[in-house]
Structures are given as structure tokens and as C-alpha cells.
């Protein structure tokens, strides 16, 4: 019985592995590779949005590639930007702001949570209130 466990089963498994690795089909044509466009490689990309801190508060800023200057899109001394949702070819940009961020009983919480939507001409925001996640 030991002979079966120590010799025959390992030889059988090794034979299966070798036979399965040896099969190659030379008639299979390679499929065309999928080319994905990089979001930052647009031909008419003139600016992009980014988050940075100023005086300890995060804000949304725009960087102009032609002028090589940045300008604030949104910054407030009593609120932090929590998340920015933005694609360079799609305006508007959406971002979430919160007055205070912390933890209560090991759960993250936000006070005065607000969602804002801005495009080149206007900015709209709606207050969501206090949240405990």
C-alpha cells in the first residue's frame, strides 16, 4: 500500500503535468492587442485639475499647460476636499468636501459633507449633512 502512495501517485501526477504542459497549438493566431488611450495624452488637453493643500486645507486647483500656471478652482479655509472625480476630456468635475473628518468607534465620519459640481462656467453644490460610514 505504501508503494502506491509513494511511487505510483507521484508518477501519475508528474505525468499529467508534463503531458498538459507539452501541448502547443501552432495554428492559433494571436489576437489583436487592445490599445487603450491614456487619459492624459489628449491632443487638445489644455489644463487639468488636481488636489493640493494650502494652509492645511485641501482644495481643487487647475493647471494650465500653455501658460504653465495654476489657479484655484475651489478652496475654503473651513473645509477639506475629500474626493475629486474628474476626467480631463469630460467636464464637469465632481468633488466632495467636509468640514471635519475623523473616527467614532472605529468608523470614519464626516461633518458638513457636501457634493459640488463645477464646469467652466458655473458651480453647483448640495449639502449632504453629517455622515458615519
C-alpha atoms as a PDB file:
ATOM      1  CA  UNK A   1       0.000   0.000   0.000  1.00  0.00           C
ATOM      2  CA  UNK A   2       2.896   2.359   0.742  1.00  0.00           C
ATOM      3  CA  UNK A   3       4.181   1.654  -2.754  1.00  0.00           C
ATOM      4  CA  UNK A   4       1.022   3.126  -4.285  1.00  0.00           C
ATOM      5  CA  UNK A   5       1.174   6.314  -2.212  1.00  0.00           C
ATOM      6  CA  UNK A   6       4.901   6.925  -2.542  1.00  0.00           C
ATOM      7  CA  UNK A   7       5.614   5.884  -6.122  1.00  0.00           C
ATOM      8  CA  UNK A   8       2.583   5.451  -8.351  1.00  0.00           C
ATOM      9  CA  UNK A   9       0.528   8.554  -7.347  1.00  0.00           C
ATOM     10  CA  UNK A  10       3.507  10.993  -7.660  1.00  0.00           C
ATOM     11  CA  UNK A  11       4.441   9.452 -11.034  1.00  0.00           C
ATOM     12  CA  UNK A  12       0.845   9.765 -12.218  1.00  0.00           C
ATOM     13  CA  UNK A  13       0.651  13.455 -11.158  1.00  0.00           C
ATOM     14  CA  UNK A  14       4.038  14.206 -12.743  1.00  0.00           C
ATOM     15  CA  UNK A  15       2.910  12.522 -15.974  1.00  0.00           C
ATOM     16  CA  UNK A  16      -0.258  14.628 -16.039  1.00  0.00           C
ATOM     17  CA  UNK A  17       1.713  17.838 -15.508  1.00  0.00           C
ATOM     18  CA  UNK A  18       4.246  17.033 -18.212  1.00  0.00           C
ATOM     19  CA  UNK A  19       1.620  15.972 -20.738  1.00  0.00           C
ATOM     20  CA  UNK A  20      -0.537  19.047 -20.152  1.00  0.00           C
ATOM     21  CA  UNK A  21       2.403  21.450 -20.455  1.00  0.00           C
ATOM     22  CA  UNK A  22       3.662  19.870 -23.650  1.00  0.00           C
ATOM     23  CA  UNK A  23       0.650  20.596 -25.840  1.00  0.00           C
ATOM     24  CA  UNK A  24       1.031  23.652 -28.016  1.00  0.00           C
ATOM     25  CA  UNK A  25      -1.234  24.574 -30.874  1.00  0.00           C
ATOM     26  CA  UNK A  26       0.729  26.338 -33.599  1.00  0.00           C
ATOM     27  CA  UNK A  27      -2.400  27.145 -35.617  1.00  0.00           C
ATOM     28  CA  UNK A  28      -3.752  29.642 -33.108  1.00  0.00           C
ATOM     29  CA  UNK A  29      -3.440  33.184 -34.420  1.00  0.00           C
ATOM     30  CA  UNK A  30      -2.580  35.889 -31.987  1.00  0.00           C
ATOM     31  CA  UNK A  31      -5.405  38.258 -31.315  1.00  0.00           C
ATOM     32  CA  UNK A  32      -5.015  41.957 -31.952  1.00  0.00           C
ATOM     33  CA  UNK A  33      -3.705  43.832 -28.973  1.00  0.00           C
ATOM     34  CA  UNK A  34      -6.053  46.294 -27.388  1.00  0.00           C
ATOM     35  CA  UNK A  35      -4.690  49.822 -27.319  1.00  0.00           C
ATOM     36  CA  UNK A  36      -6.115  51.967 -24.580  1.00  0.00           C
ATOM     37  CA  UNK A  37      -5.827  55.695 -24.780  1.00  0.00           C
ATOM     38  CA  UNK A  38      -4.094  57.294 -21.846  1.00  0.00           C
ATOM     39  CA  UNK A  39      -6.364  59.826 -20.169  1.00  0.00           C
ATOM     40  CA  UNK A  40      -3.593  62.419 -20.009  1.00  0.00           C
ATOM     41  CA  UNK A  41      -2.496  62.106 -23.644  1.00  0.00           C
ATOM     42  CA  UNK A  42      -5.303  64.069 -25.285  1.00  0.00           C
ATOM     43  CA  UNK A  43      -4.333  66.150 -28.272  1.00  0.00           C
ATOM     44  CA  UNK A  44      -6.306  69.179 -27.140  1.00  0.00           C
ATOM     45  CA  UNK A  45      -5.575  68.925 -23.426  1.00  0.00           C
ATOM     46  CA  UNK A  46      -5.122  72.491 -22.222  1.00  0.00           C
ATOM     47  CA  UNK A  47      -5.424  72.068 -18.465  1.00  0.00           C
ATOM     48  CA  UNK A  48      -6.003  69.508 -15.731  1.00  0.00           C
ATOM     49  CA  UNK A  49      -7.383  69.550 -12.191  1.00  0.00           C
ATOM     50  CA  UNK A  50      -5.525  68.389  -9.101  1.00  0.00           C
ATOM     51  CA  UNK A  51      -5.811  68.428  -5.299  1.00  0.00           C
ATOM     52  CA  UNK A  52      -3.296  70.104  -3.040  1.00  0.00           C
ATOM     53  CA  UNK A  53      -3.130  71.518   0.472  1.00  0.00           C
ATOM     54  CA  UNK A  54      -2.805  75.188   1.268  1.00  0.00           C
ATOM     55  CA  UNK A  55      -2.689  76.296   4.924  1.00  0.00           C
ATOM     56  CA  UNK A  56      -3.578  72.730   5.939  1.00  0.00           C
ATOM     57  CA  UNK A  57      -6.798  72.553   3.885  1.00  0.00           C
ATOM     58  CA  UNK A  58      -7.128  70.588   0.643  1.00  0.00           C
ATOM     59  CA  UNK A  59      -8.521  72.387  -2.387  1.00  0.00           C
ATOM     60  CA  UNK A  60      -9.100  71.872  -6.110  1.00  0.00           C
ATOM     61  CA  UNK A  61      -6.706  73.647  -8.449  1.00  0.00           C
ATOM     62  CA  UNK A  62      -6.369  73.886 -12.228  1.00  0.00           C
ATOM     63  CA  UNK A  63      -3.021  73.809 -14.044  1.00  0.00           C
ATOM     64  CA  UNK A  64      -2.823  75.418 -17.485  1.00  0.00           C
ATOM     65  CA  UNK A  65      -0.340  73.623 -19.736  1.00  0.00           C
ATOM     66  CA  UNK A  66       0.000  76.524 -22.166  1.00  0.00           C
ATOM     67  CA  UNK A  67       0.632  79.206 -19.536  1.00  0.00           C
ATOM     68  CA  UNK A  68       2.400  76.852 -17.080  1.00  0.00           C
ATOM     69  CA  UNK A  69       0.466  78.381 -14.174  1.00  0.00           C
ATOM     70  CA  UNK A  70      -2.024  77.058 -11.666  1.00  0.00           C
ATOM     71  CA  UNK A  71      -5.114  78.747 -10.295  1.00  0.00           C
ATOM     72  CA  UNK A  72      -7.585  77.793  -7.556  1.00  0.00           C
ATOM     73  CA  UNK A  73     -10.904  76.317  -8.672  1.00  0.00           C
ATOM     74  CA  UNK A  74     -12.223  75.797  -5.142  1.00  0.00           C
ATOM     75  CA  UNK A  75     -10.659  76.316  -1.708  1.00  0.00           C
ATOM     76  CA  UNK A  76     -12.253  77.169   1.639  1.00  0.00           C
ATOM     77  CA  UNK A  77     -10.462  77.782   4.956  1.00  0.00           C
ATOM     78  CA  UNK A  78     -13.001  75.695   6.940  1.00  0.00           C
ATOM     79  CA  UNK A  79     -13.478  72.724   4.593  1.00  0.00           C
ATOM     80  CA  UNK A  80     -11.348  69.958   3.067  1.00  0.00           C
ATOM     81  CA  UNK A  81     -11.807  68.308  -0.293  1.00  0.00           C
ATOM     82  CA  UNK A  82     -12.293  64.608   0.425  1.00  0.00           C
ATOM     83  CA  UNK A  83     -12.544  63.253  -3.140  1.00  0.00           C
ATOM     84  CA  UNK A  84     -12.217  64.582  -6.694  1.00  0.00           C
ATOM     85  CA  UNK A  85     -13.932  62.762  -9.572  1.00  0.00           C
ATOM     86  CA  UNK A  86     -12.662  64.132 -12.857  1.00  0.00           C
ATOM     87  CA  UNK A  87     -11.674  63.148 -16.392  1.00  0.00           C
ATOM     88  CA  UNK A  88      -9.642  65.538 -18.481  1.00  0.00           C
ATOM     89  CA  UNK A  89     -11.858  65.198 -21.551  1.00  0.00           C
ATOM     90  CA  UNK A  90     -15.131  65.336 -19.610  1.00  0.00           C
ATOM     91  CA  UNK A  91     -16.187  68.422 -17.786  1.00  0.00           C
ATOM     92  CA  UNK A  92     -17.846  68.852 -15.267  1.00  0.00           C
ATOM     93  CA  UNK A  93     -15.778  67.746 -12.303  1.00  0.00           C
ATOM     94  CA  UNK A  94     -17.365  66.474  -9.092  1.00  0.00           C
ATOM     95  CA  UNK A  95     -15.820  66.752  -5.660  1.00  0.00           C
ATOM     96  CA  UNK A  96     -16.841  66.071  -2.075  1.00  0.00           C
ATOM     97  CA  UNK A  97     -15.960  68.446   0.751  1.00  0.00           C
ATOM     98  CA  UNK A  98     -16.227  68.007   4.517  1.00  0.00           C
ATOM     99  CA  UNK A  99     -15.902  70.375   7.430  1.00  0.00           C
ATOM    100  CA  UNK A 100     -14.407  67.809   9.788  1.00  0.00           C
ATOM    101  CA  UNK A 101     -13.080  64.292   9.215  1.00  0.00           C
ATOM    102  CA  UNK A 102     -12.465  61.783  11.987  1.00  0.00           C
ATOM    103  CA  UNK A 103     -13.383  58.440  13.546  1.00  0.00           C
ATOM    104  CA  UNK A 104     -16.107  57.483  16.016  1.00  0.00           C
ATOM    105  CA  UNK A 105     -15.938  53.966  17.472  1.00  0.00           C
ATOM    106  CA  UNK A 106     -13.526  52.881  14.703  1.00  0.00           C
ATOM    107  CA  UNK A 107     -15.834  54.164  11.934  1.00  0.00           C
ATOM    108  CA  UNK A 108     -14.946  57.177   9.765  1.00  0.00           C
ATOM    109  CA  UNK A 109     -17.244  60.178   9.941  1.00  0.00           C
ATOM    110  CA  UNK A 110     -17.666  63.452   8.054  1.00  0.00           C
ATOM    111  CA  UNK A 111     -19.407  66.617   9.210  1.00  0.00           C
ATOM    112  CA  UNK A 112     -20.976  69.114   6.797  1.00  0.00           C
ATOM    113  CA  UNK A 113     -20.430  66.761   3.838  1.00  0.00           C
ATOM    114  CA  UNK A 114     -21.151  68.482   0.549  1.00  0.00           C
ATOM    115  CA  UNK A 115     -21.050  67.434  -3.102  1.00  0.00           C
ATOM    116  CA  UNK A 116     -20.095  70.056  -5.662  1.00  0.00           C
ATOM    117  CA  UNK A 117     -20.188  70.015  -9.435  1.00  0.00           C
ATOM    118  CA  UNK A 118     -18.241  72.569 -11.440  1.00  0.00           C
ATOM    119  CA  UNK A 119     -17.681  73.161 -15.107  1.00  0.00           C
ATOM    120  CA  UNK A 120     -16.024  76.007 -16.952  1.00  0.00           C
ATOM    121  CA  UNK A 121     -18.879  78.435 -16.352  1.00  0.00           C
ATOM    122  CA  UNK A 122     -20.657  77.567 -13.113  1.00  0.00           C
ATOM    123  CA  UNK A 123     -20.505  75.629  -9.865  1.00  0.00           C
ATOM    124  CA  UNK A 124     -23.406  73.918  -8.115  1.00  0.00           C
ATOM    125  CA  UNK A 125     -23.230  72.325  -4.671  1.00  0.00           C
ATOM    126  CA  UNK A 126     -25.647  70.450  -2.451  1.00  0.00           C
ATOM    127  CA  UNK A 127     -25.278  69.704   1.250  1.00  0.00           C
ATOM    128  CA  UNK A 128     -25.489  66.056   2.243  1.00  0.00           C
ATOM    129  CA  UNK A 129     -25.110  66.621   6.010  1.00  0.00           C
ATOM    130  CA  UNK A 130     -23.210  64.577   8.599  1.00  0.00           C
ATOM    131  CA  UNK A 131     -22.224  61.010   7.708  1.00  0.00           C
ATOM    132  CA  UNK A 132     -20.939  57.999   9.588  1.00  0.00           C
ATOM    133  CA  UNK A 133     -19.601  55.256   7.350  1.00  0.00           C
END
